[in-house]
PDB file of N, CA and C in Angstrom:
ATOM      1  N   UNK A   1      94.317 110.145  87.173  1.00  0.00           N
ATOM      2  CA  UNK A   1      93.889 109.608  88.456  1.00  0.00           C
ATOM      3  C   UNK A   1      93.925 110.726  89.478  1.00  0.00           C
ATOM      4  N   UNK A   2      92.790 111.039  90.058  1.00  0.00           N
ATOM      5  CA  UNK A   2      92.705 111.974  91.167  1.00  0.00           C
ATOM      6  C   UNK A   2      93.086 111.207  92.416  1.00  0.00           C
ATOM      7  N   UNK A   3      94.036 111.739  93.194  1.00  0.00           N
ATOM      8  CA  UNK A   3      94.446 110.923  94.329  1.00  0.00           C
ATOM      9  C   UNK A   3      94.760 111.714  95.577  1.00  0.00           C
ATOM     10  N   UNK A   4      94.813 110.972  96.667  1.00  0.00           N
ATOM     11  CA  UNK A   4      95.278 111.466  97.953  1.00  0.00           C
ATOM     12  C   UNK A   4      96.558 110.706  98.213  1.00  0.00           C
ATOM     13  N   UNK A   5      97.626 111.418  98.441  1.00  0.00           N
ATOM     14  CA  UNK A   5      98.911 110.759  98.642  1.00  0.00           C
ATOM     15  C   UNK A   5      99.519 111.198  99.967  1.00  0.00           C
ATOM     16  N   UNK A   6     100.168 110.268 100.611  1.00  0.00           N
ATOM     17  CA  UNK A   6     100.889 110.567 101.838  1.00  0.00           C
ATOM     18  C   UNK A   6     102.242 109.887 101.766  1.00  0.00           C
ATOM     19  N   UNK A   7     103.047 110.340 100.845  1.00  0.00           N
ATOM     20  CA  UNK A   7     104.372 109.778 100.712  1.00  0.00           C
ATOM     21  C   UNK A   7     104.380 108.383 100.148  1.00  0.00           C
ATOM     22  N   UNK A   8     103.957 107.422 100.956  1.00  0.00           N
ATOM     23  CA  UNK A   8     104.087 106.018 100.564  1.00  0.00           C
ATOM     24  C   UNK A   8     102.793 105.369 100.087  1.00  0.00           C
ATOM     25  N   UNK A   9     101.641 106.042 100.191  1.00  0.00           N
ATOM     26  CA  UNK A   9     100.380 105.435  99.753  1.00  0.00           C
ATOM     27  C   UNK A   9      99.599 106.437  98.905  1.00  0.00           C
ATOM     28  N   UNK A  10      98.977 105.916  97.872  1.00  0.00           N
ATOM     29  CA  UNK A  10      98.076 106.716  97.045  1.00  0.00           C
ATOM     30  C   UNK A  10      96.752 105.981  96.948  1.00  0.00           C
ATOM     31  N   UNK A  11      95.677 106.718  97.138  1.00  0.00           N
ATOM     32  CA  UNK A  11      94.330 106.206  96.927  1.00  0.00           C
ATOM     33  C   UNK A  11      93.731 107.126  95.879  1.00  0.00           C
ATOM     34  N   UNK A  12      93.455 106.580  94.722  1.00  0.00           N
ATOM     35  CA  UNK A  12      93.005 107.437  93.641  1.00  0.00           C
ATOM     36  C   UNK A  12      91.815 106.899  92.895  1.00  0.00           C
ATOM     37  N   UNK A  13      91.047 107.800  92.342  1.00  0.00           N
ATOM     38  CA  UNK A  13      89.884 107.437  91.560  1.00  0.00           C
ATOM     39  C   UNK A  13      90.289 107.324  90.095  1.00  0.00           C
ATOM     40  N   UNK A  14      90.164 106.132  89.540  1.00  0.00           N
ATOM     41  CA  UNK A  14      90.502 105.896  88.141  1.00  0.00           C
ATOM     42  C   UNK A  14      89.350 106.287  87.230  1.00  0.00           C
ATOM     43  N   UNK A  15      88.146 106.044  87.701  1.00  0.00           N
ATOM     44  CA  UNK A  15      86.912 106.330  86.971  1.00  0.00           C
ATOM     45  C   UNK A  15      85.794 106.323  88.003  1.00  0.00           C
ATOM     46  N   UNK A  16      84.621 106.807  87.660  1.00  0.00           N
ATOM     47  CA  UNK A  16      83.528 106.743  88.632  1.00  0.00           C
ATOM     48  C   UNK A  16      83.309 105.306  89.117  1.00  0.00           C
ATOM     49  N   UNK A  17      83.336 105.143  90.442  1.00  0.00           N
ATOM     50  CA  UNK A  17      83.127 103.826  91.029  1.00  0.00           C
ATOM     51  C   UNK A  17      84.341 102.925  91.024  1.00  0.00           C
ATOM     52  N   UNK A  18      85.490 103.447  90.630  1.00  0.00           N
ATOM     53  CA  UNK A  18      86.706 102.617  90.551  1.00  0.00           C
ATOM     54  C   UNK A  18      87.879 103.356  91.190  1.00  0.00           C
ATOM     55  N   UNK A  19      88.375 102.787  92.289  1.00  0.00           N
ATOM     56  CA  UNK A  19      89.537 103.345  92.987  1.00  0.00           C
ATOM     57  C   UNK A  19      90.744 102.447  92.776  1.00  0.00           C
ATOM     58  N   UNK A  20      91.926 103.018  92.983  1.00  0.00           N
ATOM     59  CA  UNK A  20      93.166 102.258  92.913  1.00  0.00           C
ATOM     60  C   UNK A  20      94.012 102.567  94.140  1.00  0.00           C
ATOM     61  N   UNK A  21      94.691 101.543  94.624  1.00  0.00           N
ATOM     62  CA  UNK A  21      95.671 101.692  95.706  1.00  0.00           C
ATOM     63  C   UNK A  21      97.053 101.499  95.108  1.00  0.00           C
ATOM     64  N   UNK A  22      97.985 102.384  95.471  1.00  0.00           N
ATOM     65  CA  UNK A  22      99.359 102.300  94.993  1.00  0.00           C
ATOM     66  C   UNK A  22     100.299 102.572  96.162  1.00  0.00           C
ATOM     67  N   UNK A  23     101.377 101.818  96.238  1.00  0.00           N
ATOM     68  CA  UNK A  23     102.403 102.071  97.247  1.00  0.00           C
ATOM     69  C   UNK A  23     102.363 101.083  98.386  1.00  0.00           C
ATOM     70  N   UNK A  24     102.548 101.602  99.599  1.00  0.00           N
ATOM     71  CA  UNK A  24     102.648 100.790 100.807  1.00  0.00           C
ATOM     72  C   UNK A  24     101.457 101.053 101.702  1.00  0.00           C
ATOM     73  N   UNK A  25     100.735  99.994 102.041  1.00  0.00           N
ATOM     74  CA  UNK A  25      99.614 100.109 102.967  1.00  0.00           C
ATOM     75  C   UNK A  25      99.978  99.317 104.218  1.00  0.00           C
ATOM     76  N   UNK A  26     100.411 100.066 105.223  1.00  0.00           N
ATOM     77  CA  UNK A  26     100.853  99.462 106.474  1.00  0.00           C
ATOM     78  C   UNK A  26     100.379 100.312 107.639  1.00  0.00           C
ATOM     79  N   UNK A  27     100.915 100.073 108.814  1.00  0.00           N
ATOM     80  CA  UNK A  27     100.473 100.797 110.001  1.00  0.00           C
ATOM     81  C   UNK A  27     100.721 102.299 109.882  1.00  0.00           C
ATOM     82  N   UNK A  28     101.722 102.697 109.145  1.00  0.00           N
ATOM     83  CA  UNK A  28     102.020 104.119 108.985  1.00  0.00           C
ATOM     84  C   UNK A  28     101.124 104.846 108.004  1.00  0.00           C
ATOM     85  N   UNK A  29     100.483 104.127 107.105  1.00  0.00           N
ATOM     86  CA  UNK A  29      99.658 104.762 106.071  1.00  0.00           C
ATOM     87  C   UNK A  29      98.188 104.364 106.146  1.00  0.00           C
ATOM     88  N   UNK A  30      97.846 103.438 107.022  1.00  0.00           N
ATOM     89  CA  UNK A  30      96.489 102.895 107.066  1.00  0.00           C
ATOM     90  C   UNK A  30      95.424 103.951 107.355  1.00  0.00           C
ATOM     91  N   UNK A  31      95.672 104.823 108.304  1.00  0.00           N
ATOM     92  CA  UNK A  31      94.663 105.814 108.671  1.00  0.00           C
ATOM     93  C   UNK A  31      94.313 106.708 107.489  1.00  0.00           C
ATOM     94  N   UNK A  32      95.328 107.209 106.795  1.00  0.00           N
ATOM     95  CA  UNK A  32      95.072 108.077 105.648  1.00  0.00           C
ATOM     96  C   UNK A  32      94.341 107.321 104.537  1.00  0.00           C
ATOM     97  N   UNK A  33      94.768 106.101 104.248  1.00  0.00           N
ATOM     98  CA  UNK A  33      94.117 105.310 103.202  1.00  0.00           C
ATOM     99  C   UNK A  33      92.660 105.043 103.571  1.00  0.00           C
ATOM    100  N   UNK A  34      92.427 104.678 104.806  1.00  0.00           N
ATOM    101  CA  UNK A  34      91.058 104.414 105.269  1.00  0.00           C
ATOM    102  C   UNK A  34      90.178 105.640 105.071  1.00  0.00           C
ATOM    103  N   UNK A  35      90.652 106.785 105.548  1.00  0.00           N
ATOM    104  CA  UNK A  35      89.876 108.018 105.457  1.00  0.00           C
ATOM    105  C   UNK A  35      89.643 108.449 104.012  1.00  0.00           C
ATOM    106  N   UNK A  36      90.663 108.297 103.164  1.00  0.00           N
ATOM    107  CA  UNK A  36      90.526 108.692 101.760  1.00  0.00           C
ATOM    108  C   UNK A  36      89.491 107.825 101.052  1.00  0.00           C
ATOM    109  N   UNK A  37      89.539 106.523 101.273  1.00  0.00           N
ATOM    110  CA  UNK A  37      88.557 105.637 100.653  1.00  0.00           C
ATOM    111  C   UNK A  37      87.154 105.942 101.119  1.00  0.00           C
ATOM    112  N   UNK A  38      86.979 106.094 102.414  1.00  0.00           N
ATOM    113  CA  UNK A  38      85.651 106.384 102.957  1.00  0.00           C
ATOM    114  C   UNK A  38      85.124 107.707 102.413  1.00  0.00           C
ATOM    115  N   UNK A  39      85.993 108.692 102.250  1.00  0.00           N
ATOM    116  CA  UNK A  39      85.554 109.977 101.695  1.00  0.00           C
ATOM    117  C   UNK A  39      84.970 109.784 100.289  1.00  0.00           C
ATOM    118  N   UNK A  40      85.625 108.969  99.457  1.00  0.00           N
ATOM    119  CA  UNK A  40      85.084 108.713  98.119  1.00  0.00           C
ATOM    120  C   UNK A  40      83.769 107.954  98.198  1.00  0.00           C
ATOM    121  N   UNK A  41      83.718 106.930  99.027  1.00  0.00           N
ATOM    122  CA  UNK A  41      82.498 106.132  99.123  1.00  0.00           C
ATOM    123  C   UNK A  41      81.314 106.981  99.586  1.00  0.00           C
ATOM    124  N   UNK A  42      81.540 107.828 100.560  1.00  0.00           N
ATOM    125  CA  UNK A  42      80.463 108.647 101.099  1.00  0.00           C
ATOM    126  C   UNK A  42      80.074 109.775 100.129  1.00  0.00           C
ATOM    127  N   UNK A  43      81.042 110.328  99.449  1.00  0.00           N
ATOM    128  CA  UNK A  43      80.766 111.410  98.502  1.00  0.00           C
ATOM    129  C   UNK A  43      79.867 110.935  97.372  1.00  0.00           C
ATOM    130  N   UNK A  44      80.147 109.757  96.851  1.00  0.00           N
ATOM    131  CA  UNK A  44      79.415 109.264  95.689  1.00  0.00           C
ATOM    132  C   UNK A  44      78.234 108.378  96.051  1.00  0.00           C
ATOM    133  N   UNK A  45      78.031 108.096  97.324  1.00  0.00           N
ATOM    134  CA  UNK A  45      76.860 107.356  97.765  1.00  0.00           C
ATOM    135  C   UNK A  45      76.886 105.872  97.434  1.00  0.00           C
ATOM    136  N   UNK A  46      75.743 105.237  97.680  1.00  0.00           N
ATOM    137  CA  UNK A  46      75.617 103.795  97.455  1.00  0.00           C
ATOM    138  C   UNK A  46      75.717 103.505  95.968  1.00  0.00           C
ATOM    139  N   UNK A  47      76.602 102.652  95.623  1.00  0.00           N
ATOM    140  CA  UNK A  47      76.807 102.250  94.236  1.00  0.00           C
ATOM    141  C   UNK A  47      77.696 101.032  94.213  1.00  0.00           C
ATOM    142  N   UNK A  48      77.982 100.549  93.042  1.00  0.00           N
ATOM    143  CA  UNK A  48      78.931  99.455  92.888  1.00  0.00           C
ATOM    144  C   UNK A  48      80.335 100.036  92.811  1.00  0.00           C
ATOM    145  N   UNK A  49      81.220  99.512  93.627  1.00  0.00           N
ATOM    146  CA  UNK A  49      82.602  99.978  93.686  1.00  0.00           C
ATOM    147  C   UNK A  49      83.558  98.833  93.391  1.00  0.00           C
ATOM    148  N   UNK A  50      84.665  99.173  92.754  1.00  0.00           N
ATOM    149  CA  UNK A  50      85.776  98.248  92.548  1.00  0.00           C
ATOM    150  C   UNK A  50      87.035  98.971  93.014  1.00  0.00           C
ATOM    151  N   UNK A  51      87.859  98.284  93.790  1.00  0.00           N
ATOM    152  CA  UNK A  51      89.149  98.838  94.212  1.00  0.00           C
ATOM    153  C   UNK A  51      90.240  97.945  93.632  1.00  0.00           C
ATOM    154  N   UNK A  52      91.085  98.538  92.811  1.00  0.00           N
ATOM    155  CA  UNK A  52      92.218  97.830  92.207  1.00  0.00           C
ATOM    156  C   UNK A  52      93.393  97.905  93.174  1.00  0.00           C
ATOM    157  N   UNK A  53      93.792  96.762  93.696  1.00  0.00           N
ATOM    158  CA  UNK A  53      94.877  96.692  94.676  1.00  0.00           C
ATOM    159  C   UNK A  53      96.198  96.251  94.060  1.00  0.00           C
ATOM    160  N   UNK A  54      96.229  96.091  92.742  1.00  0.00           N
ATOM    161  CA  UNK A  54      97.429  95.551  92.088  1.00  0.00           C
ATOM    162  C   UNK A  54      98.640  96.458  92.215  1.00  0.00           C
ATOM    163  N   UNK A  55      98.443  97.723  92.548  1.00  0.00           N
ATOM    164  CA  UNK A  55      99.555  98.653  92.698  1.00  0.00           C
ATOM    165  C   UNK A  55     100.163  98.677  94.092  1.00  0.00           C
ATOM    166  N   UNK A  56      99.661  97.833  94.980  1.00  0.00           N
ATOM    167  CA  UNK A  56     100.256  97.773  96.319  1.00  0.00           C
ATOM    168  C   UNK A  56     101.596  97.064  96.237  1.00  0.00           C
ATOM    169  N   UNK A  57     102.636  97.772  96.605  1.00  0.00           N
ATOM    170  CA  UNK A  57     103.984  97.213  96.577  1.00  0.00           C
ATOM    171  C   UNK A  57     104.314  96.489  97.871  1.00  0.00           C
ATOM    172  N   UNK A  58     103.684  96.927  98.960  1.00  0.00           N
ATOM    173  CA  UNK A  58     103.933  96.354 100.271  1.00  0.00           C
ATOM    174  C   UNK A  58     102.676  96.532 101.108  1.00  0.00           C
ATOM    175  N   UNK A  59     102.366  95.516 101.907  1.00  0.00           N
ATOM    176  CA  UNK A  59     101.182  95.583 102.767  1.00  0.00           C
ATOM    177  C   UNK A  59     101.370  94.640 103.942  1.00  0.00           C
ATOM    178  N   UNK A  60     100.654  94.946 105.032  1.00  0.00           N
ATOM    179  CA  UNK A  60     100.664  94.061 106.189  1.00  0.00           C
ATOM    180  C   UNK A  60      99.236  93.933 106.706  1.00  0.00           C
ATOM    181  N   UNK A  61      99.068  93.490 107.926  1.00  0.00           N
ATOM    182  CA  UNK A  61      97.729  93.265 108.456  1.00  0.00           C
ATOM    183  C   UNK A  61      96.905  94.542 108.532  1.00  0.00           C
ATOM    184  N   UNK A  62      97.548  95.693 108.596  1.00  0.00           N
ATOM    185  CA  UNK A  62      96.809  96.955 108.585  1.00  0.00           C
ATOM    186  C   UNK A  62      96.047  97.117 107.266  1.00  0.00           C
ATOM    187  N   UNK A  63      96.598  96.612 106.175  1.00  0.00           N
ATOM    188  CA  UNK A  63      95.911  96.671 104.879  1.00  0.00           C
ATOM    189  C   UNK A  63      94.619  95.877 104.930  1.00  0.00           C
ATOM    190  N   UNK A  64      94.657  94.704 105.517  1.00  0.00           N
ATOM    191  CA  UNK A  64      93.453  93.878 105.633  1.00  0.00           C
ATOM    192  C   UNK A  64      92.401  94.614 106.458  1.00  0.00           C
ATOM    193  N   UNK A  65      92.818  95.253 107.540  1.00  0.00           N
ATOM    194  CA  UNK A  65      91.884  96.003 108.372  1.00  0.00           C
ATOM    195  C   UNK A  65      91.230  97.137 107.589  1.00  0.00           C
ATOM    196  N   UNK A  66      92.002  97.861 106.784  1.00  0.00           N
ATOM    197  CA  UNK A  66      91.450  98.956 105.977  1.00  0.00           C
ATOM    198  C   UNK A  66      90.444  98.414 104.969  1.00  0.00           C
ATOM    199  N   UNK A  67      90.793  97.351 104.272  1.00  0.00           N
ATOM    200  CA  UNK A  67      89.899  96.791 103.264  1.00  0.00           C
ATOM    201  C   UNK A  67      88.600  96.287 103.894  1.00  0.00           C
ATOM    202  N   UNK A  68      88.694  95.655 105.043  1.00  0.00           N
ATOM    203  CA  UNK A  68      87.487  95.189 105.733  1.00  0.00           C
ATOM    204  C   UNK A  68      86.624  96.364 106.181  1.00  0.00           C
ATOM    205  N   UNK A  69      87.255  97.427 106.644  1.00  0.00           N
ATOM    206  CA  UNK A  69      86.507  98.608 107.057  1.00  0.00           C
ATOM    207  C   UNK A  69      85.793  99.228 105.861  1.00  0.00           C
ATOM    208  N   UNK A  70      86.471  99.274 104.712  1.00  0.00           N
ATOM    209  CA  UNK A  70      85.825  99.787 103.502  1.00  0.00           C
ATOM    210  C   UNK A  70      84.628  98.932 103.124  1.00  0.00           C
ATOM    211  N   UNK A  71      84.766  97.601 103.200  1.00  0.00           N
ATOM    212  CA  UNK A  71      83.638  96.719 102.895  1.00  0.00           C
ATOM    213  C   UNK A  71      82.444  97.033 103.796  1.00  0.00           C
ATOM    214  N   UNK A  72      82.689  97.172 105.078  1.00  0.00           N
ATOM    215  CA  UNK A  72      81.610  97.453 106.029  1.00  0.00           C
ATOM    216  C   UNK A  72      80.955  98.799 105.745  1.00  0.00           C
ATOM    217  N   UNK A  73      81.754  99.807 105.440  1.00  0.00           N
ATOM    218  CA  UNK A  73      81.235 101.145 105.164  1.00  0.00           C
ATOM    219  C   UNK A  73      80.322 101.141 103.948  1.00  0.00           C
ATOM    220  N   UNK A  74      80.783 100.535 102.869  1.00  0.00           N
ATOM    221  CA  UNK A  74      79.990 100.491 101.633  1.00  0.00           C
ATOM    222  C   UNK A  74      78.733  99.649 101.839  1.00  0.00           C
ATOM    223  N   UNK A  75      78.864  98.540 102.532  1.00  0.00           N
ATOM    224  CA  UNK A  75      77.713  97.672 102.792  1.00  0.00           C
ATOM    225  C   UNK A  75      76.646  98.414 103.594  1.00  0.00           C
ATOM    226  N   UNK A  76      77.058  99.121 104.653  1.00  0.00           N
ATOM    227  CA  UNK A  76      76.103  99.885 105.470  1.00  0.00           C
ATOM    228  C   UNK A  76      75.394 100.954 104.656  1.00  0.00           C
ATOM    229  N   UNK A  77      76.075 101.491 103.645  1.00  0.00           N
ATOM    230  CA  UNK A  77      75.488 102.542 102.804  1.00  0.00           C
ATOM    231  C   UNK A  77      74.588 101.963 101.707  1.00  0.00           C
ATOM    232  N   UNK A  78      74.513 100.633 101.639  1.00  0.00           N
ATOM    233  CA  UNK A  78      73.660 100.001 100.643  1.00  0.00           C
ATOM    234  C   UNK A  78      74.326  99.745  99.308  1.00  0.00           C
ATOM    235  N   UNK A  79      75.640  99.908  99.247  1.00  0.00           N
ATOM    236  CA  UNK A  79      76.376  99.676  98.008  1.00  0.00           C
ATOM    237  C   UNK A  79      77.036  98.316  97.980  1.00  0.00           C
ATOM    238  N   UNK A  80      77.833  98.105  96.955  1.00  0.00           N
ATOM    239  CA  UNK A  80      78.573  96.857  96.775  1.00  0.00           C
ATOM    240  C   UNK A  80      80.030  97.215  96.511  1.00  0.00           C
ATOM    241  N   UNK A  81      80.930  96.402  97.034  1.00  0.00           N
ATOM    242  CA  UNK A  81      82.356  96.641  96.881  1.00  0.00           C
ATOM    243  C   UNK A  81      83.066  95.321  96.645  1.00  0.00           C
ATOM    244  N   UNK A  82      83.993  95.345  95.702  1.00  0.00           N
ATOM    245  CA  UNK A  82      84.857  94.182  95.506  1.00  0.00           C
ATOM    246  C   UNK A  82      86.266  94.680  95.203  1.00  0.00           C
ATOM    247  N   UNK A  83      87.232  93.795  95.439  1.00  0.00           N
ATOM    248  CA  UNK A  83      88.634  94.123  95.240  1.00  0.00           C
ATOM    249  C   UNK A  83      89.189  93.305  94.083  1.00  0.00           C
ATOM    250  N   UNK A  84      90.074  93.925  93.324  1.00  0.00           N
ATOM    251  CA  UNK A  84      90.788  93.245  92.244  1.00  0.00           C
ATOM    252  C   UNK A  84      92.278  93.336  92.534  1.00  0.00           C
ATOM    253  N   UNK A  85      93.017  92.341  92.072  1.00  0.00           N
ATOM    254  CA  UNK A  85      94.471  92.386  92.154  1.00  0.00           C
ATOM    255  C   UNK A  85      95.027  92.380  93.557  1.00  0.00           C
ATOM    256  N   UNK A  86      94.374  91.654  94.459  1.00  0.00           N
ATOM    257  CA  UNK A  86      94.898  91.587  95.833  1.00  0.00           C
ATOM    258  C   UNK A  86      96.276  90.929  95.823  1.00  0.00           C
ATOM    259  N   UNK A  87      97.272  91.580  96.401  1.00  0.00           N
ATOM    260  CA  UNK A  87      98.601  90.970  96.475  1.00  0.00           C
ATOM    261  C   UNK A  87      98.570  89.676  97.298  1.00  0.00           C
ATOM    262  N   UNK A  88      99.465  88.781  96.986  1.00  0.00           N
ATOM    263  CA  UNK A  88      99.518  87.491  97.675  1.00  0.00           C
ATOM    264  C   UNK A  88      99.674  87.672  99.187  1.00  0.00           C
ATOM    265  N   UNK A  89     100.461  88.624  99.611  1.00  0.00           N
ATOM    266  CA  UNK A  89     100.661  88.857 101.059  1.00  0.00           C
ATOM    267  C   UNK A  89      99.340  89.212 101.741  1.00  0.00           C
ATOM    268  N   UNK A  90      98.547  90.065 101.114  1.00  0.00           N
ATOM    269  CA  UNK A  90      97.251  90.441 101.681  1.00  0.00           C
ATOM    270  C   UNK A  90      96.331  89.223 101.721  1.00  0.00           C
ATOM    271  N   UNK A  91      96.336  88.437 100.664  1.00  0.00           N
ATOM    272  CA  UNK A  91      95.514  87.216 100.645  1.00  0.00           C
ATOM    273  C   UNK A  91      95.917  86.261 101.758  1.00  0.00           C
ATOM    274  N   UNK A  92      97.213  86.098 101.964  1.00  0.00           N
ATOM    275  CA  UNK A  92      97.700  85.187 102.998  1.00  0.00           C
ATOM    276  C   UNK A  92      97.271  85.652 104.386  1.00  0.00           C
ATOM    277  N   UNK A  93      97.397  86.931 104.655  1.00  0.00           N
ATOM    278  CA  UNK A  93      96.976  87.470 105.960  1.00  0.00           C
ATOM    279  C   UNK A  93      95.473  87.290 106.131  1.00  0.00           C
ATOM    280  N   UNK A  94      94.712  87.542 105.073  1.00  0.00           N
ATOM    281  CA  UNK A  94      93.258  87.395 105.136  1.00  0.00           C
ATOM    282  C   UNK A  94      92.866  85.942 105.394  1.00  0.00           C
ATOM    283  N   UNK A  95      93.568  85.008 104.773  1.00  0.00           N
ATOM    284  CA  UNK A  95      93.268  83.588 104.992  1.00  0.00           C
ATOM    285  C   UNK A  95      93.547  83.182 106.433  1.00  0.00           C
ATOM    286  N   UNK A  96      94.664  83.627 106.966  1.00  0.00           N
ATOM    287  CA  UNK A  96      95.003  83.317 108.360  1.00  0.00           C
ATOM    288  C   UNK A  96      93.942  83.897 109.299  1.00  0.00           C
ATOM    289  N   UNK A  97      93.413  85.055 108.937  1.00  0.00           N
ATOM    290  CA  UNK A  97      92.401  85.735 109.747  1.00  0.00           C
ATOM    291  C   UNK A  97      90.992  85.244 109.458  1.00  0.00           C
ATOM    292  N   UNK A  98      90.870  84.291 108.551  1.00  0.00           N
ATOM    293  CA  UNK A  98      89.599  83.712 108.151  1.00  0.00           C
ATOM    294  C   UNK A  98      88.634  84.717 107.539  1.00  0.00           C
ATOM    295  N   UNK A  99      89.175  85.690 106.789  1.00  0.00           N
ATOM    296  CA  UNK A  99      88.352  86.655 106.061  1.00  0.00           C
ATOM    297  C   UNK A  99      88.721  86.668 104.570  1.00  0.00           C
ATOM    298  N   UNK A 100      89.473  85.671 104.144  1.00  0.00           N
ATOM    299  CA  UNK A 100      89.930  85.618 102.763  1.00  0.00           C
ATOM    300  C   UNK A 100      88.792  85.600 101.766  1.00  0.00           C
ATOM    301  N   UNK A 101      87.772  84.796 102.019  1.00  0.00           N
ATOM    302  CA  UNK A 101      86.643  84.723 101.098  1.00  0.00           C
ATOM    303  C   UNK A 101      85.916  86.051 101.015  1.00  0.00           C
ATOM    304  N   UNK A 102      85.789  86.725 102.122  1.00  0.00           N
ATOM    305  CA  UNK A 102      85.122  88.024 102.145  1.00  0.00           C
ATOM    306  C   UNK A 102      85.863  89.033 101.268  1.00  0.00           C
ATOM    307  N   UNK A 103      87.198  89.061 101.372  1.00  0.00           N
ATOM    308  CA  UNK A 103      87.957  89.973 100.534  1.00  0.00           C
ATOM    309  C   UNK A 103      87.913  89.558  99.064  1.00  0.00           C
ATOM    310  N   UNK A 104      87.852  88.273  98.809  1.00  0.00           N
ATOM    311  CA  UNK A 104      87.815  87.788  97.412  1.00  0.00           C
ATOM    312  C   UNK A 104      86.492  88.090  96.734  1.00  0.00           C
ATOM    313  N   UNK A 105      85.379  87.959  97.471  1.00  0.00           N
ATOM    314  CA  UNK A 105      84.072  88.118  96.849  1.00  0.00           C
ATOM    315  C   UNK A 105      83.454  89.489  97.057  1.00  0.00           C
ATOM    316  N   UNK A 106      83.874  90.173  98.094  1.00  0.00           N
ATOM    317  CA  UNK A 106      83.293  91.493  98.385  1.00  0.00           C
ATOM    318  C   UNK A 106      81.903  91.378  98.964  1.00  0.00           C
ATOM    319  N   UNK A 107      81.255  92.525  99.075  1.00  0.00           N
ATOM    320  CA  UNK A 107      79.870  92.573  99.595  1.00  0.00           C
ATOM    321  C   UNK A 107      79.016  93.383  98.655  1.00  0.00           C
TER     322      UNK A 107
END
């Protein structure tokens, strides 16, 4: 896995078109995670993407913001993005924010 790490968060490419998140995605790590994901999406252009979130050990509302930003970025580029293994905490925050279906189905 090629990755960008900042102590508590890793964003890594498992295979072409497949990224993984590992660690803690919160207010302290959101900016780096956002930038790392966007760098991969922009480098490889419009395509189908999958992000495996099952390695997230801890997340808060900043994680939802990053994932939504990634969806918008990929959508604007003409690609498709979906998430796998969303932690229950992220799902709960997304439901409260009324974006749960968007994170579940992707764009």
